[in-house]
C-alpha cells in the first residue's frame, strides 16, 4: 500500500516593486513631512530660546528693582549664538530624518545583513575613497571655473561655519563630520532616493533626491547670492547628492555615502580653517 503524500503547499507570492506613481507619491509625502517638521522645529527652537532669554532679562531687571520694558527685552534677546544655532539645526534636521526612517523606510533584517556584508568588502572602501575624491575635485573645478567667470557665491551656511570654527571648533568637527552626514544620508539617500530605488527607478531617484539635496542646502532668497551664483551652488550640491546616491546604489550600504560625506565635510572644514579665515 503506497503512502499518501500531503498536498504541496501553495507557492508564496512575492510582492513586486511599487509602481512608479506610488513611489513618486511616497517621495513627495516624505519630502513634505520632512520640510514641515524642519520648519516647525526650527521656529519652535528659536521661540524657546527667545523665551528663555527674555525671562532671564526680566528676572535680572526685577532683581535690581527695575521694571523691564519691551524694548529692553527685545534688545536682550538679540541674535542666538553659534552653539544655539548648531543645536537647533541638529534637532530640526535630524528629527525628520530619524522619524521618517523608522516610520516609513526602516531597513528590513535582510537589508541590514546586506549592508553589513557590503561594508566589509574591500571594493566598498575603494568606492568610498573614489567618490569622496571625485566630489572634492568636482567642487573645486566648478569653483575655479566660476571664479574665472567672475562668479563668487557665498554659501548660506558659511558665516555660521566661520564663527563656529573660531568659537567651538571641536563641536563643529563632530557636527559636520559625524552627525550631519549621518542624518542627511539617512534622509536623502535612504528615505528619498531609496524609495525610488526600491521601485526600480534608480536614475529618477538620483535626479529627484539630488535636486532636493541642492535646494535644501541653498534656499533661494535667503542670501545675497544672485541667480547665477545660486545656480553654481546648486550644481555643486546637486553633483554631490548624485554622487552619494550612486555610491549607495553601487555598494548596497548606507555607510558608504555617510563616510564619503564625512570625508568631504572634513576636507571642507580643513580648507576653511587653513585658507578661509582672515
Foldseek 3Di string as FASTA:
>chain_A
DDDDDDDDDDDDDDDAFDAPVVLVVQLVVLVVLLVVQLVVLLVVLLVVLLVVQLVVVQVVQVVVVHGDDPVNSVVSSPDDDLVSVLVSNLCSRLVSLVVCQVPPQPDDPVLVVLQVVLVPDPVLVVLLVVLLVVLVVVLVVLCVVCVVVVQDDDFPCVVSLLRCCVPPVVVCLCCQQARVLVSLLSRLQRRNQVSCVSNVNNVVSLQVSLQVQLCVRHPPPPDPHDPVNSVSSSVSSSVLSSSLNVSCVVRSHSVSSSNSSSSNRVVVSVCCVPPVHD
